[in-house]
Amino acid sequence: MKEAAWIIAAVLTLGMGALAGHSAESEADRQDAEAMASRDWAGQQVCGPHSTAVWETDQVLTCLKELP
């Protein structure tokens, strides 16, 4: 009976660890999406409505003028 209790405790511990890891991944994905939206908004503010913002690196923004 004691062995069954240990097995159940181990399974529950592993299950909780898997759930915690999954929620951490979804939090990281949400933060990445927010960061990309922020970069897109900043690029549009700098380049204006008739240009496309292209981030070359984390700190270099290039504005490409749209042709008619």
Protein backbone atom coordinates (compact mmCIF):
# COMPACT_ATOMS: atom_id res chain seq x y z
CA MET A 1 0.00 0.00 0.00
CA LYS A 2 2.89 2.31 0.78
CA GLU A 3 4.37 1.72 -2.68
CA ALA A 4 1.10 2.74 -4.35
CA ALA A 5 1.11 6.00 -2.39
CA TRP A 6 4.66 6.74 -3.56
CA ILE A 7 3.78 5.97 -7.16
CA ILE A 8 0.71 8.23 -7.02
CA ALA A 9 2.78 11.03 -5.44
CA ALA A 10 5.43 10.70 -8.16
CA VAL A 11 2.83 10.79 -10.94
CA LEU A 12 1.14 13.84 -9.43
CA THR A 13 4.49 15.62 -9.06
CA LEU A 14 5.42 14.95 -12.68
CA GLY A 15 1.99 16.08 -13.85
CA MET A 16 2.20 19.35 -11.94
CA GLY A 17 5.69 19.96 -13.34
CA ALA A 18 4.43 19.44 -16.87
CA LEU A 19 1.57 21.88 -16.31
CA ALA A 20 3.90 24.49 -14.84
CA GLY A 21 6.26 24.18 -17.81
CA HIS A 22 3.40 24.56 -20.27
CA SER A 23 2.11 27.76 -18.64
CA ALA A 24 5.63 29.22 -18.65
CA GLU A 25 5.89 28.55 -22.39
CA SER A 26 2.56 30.23 -23.08
CA GLU A 27 3.65 33.25 -21.00
CA ALA A 28 6.86 33.53 -23.03
CA ASP A 29 4.87 33.26 -26.28
CA ARG A 30 2.53 36.04 -25.11
CA GLN A 31 5.46 38.29 -24.21
CA ASP A 32 7.07 37.65 -27.61
CA ALA A 33 3.83 38.56 -29.39
CA GLU A 34 3.53 41.78 -27.36
CA ALA A 35 7.14 42.70 -28.16
CA MET A 36 6.60 42.15 -31.90
CA ALA A 37 3.42 44.25 -31.85
CA SER A 38 5.30 47.01 -30.05
CA ARG A 39 8.11 46.92 -32.63
CA ASP A 40 5.62 47.04 -35.50
CA TRP A 41 3.85 50.02 -33.95
CA ALA A 42 7.14 51.86 -33.32
CA GLY A 43 8.27 51.20 -36.89
CA GLN A 44 5.03 52.62 -38.32
CA GLN A 45 5.34 55.71 -36.12
CA VAL A 46 8.89 56.36 -37.30
CA CYS A 47 8.45 55.50 -40.98
CA GLY A 48 4.99 56.93 -41.54
CA PRO A 49 1.90 55.61 -43.32
CA HIS A 50 3.41 55.31 -46.84
CA SER A 51 6.50 53.30 -45.88
CA THR A 52 7.20 49.79 -44.66
CA ALA A 53 9.30 49.39 -41.53
CA VAL A 54 11.95 46.66 -41.69
CA TRP A 55 13.99 45.86 -38.59
CA GLU A 56 17.51 44.89 -39.72
CA THR A 57 18.69 44.23 -36.13
CA ASP A 58 17.29 44.97 -32.68
CA GLN A 59 18.44 48.58 -33.00
CA VAL A 60 18.50 49.28 -36.76
CA LEU A 61 15.26 50.23 -38.51
CA THR A 62 15.04 50.74 -42.27
CA CYS A 63 12.07 52.49 -43.86
CA LEU A 64 11.16 51.30 -47.37
CA LYS A 65 9.04 53.71 -49.38
CA GLU A 66 6.02 52.09 -51.03
CA LEU A 67 5.82 52.65 -54.77
CA PRO A 68 2.48 53.73 -56.26
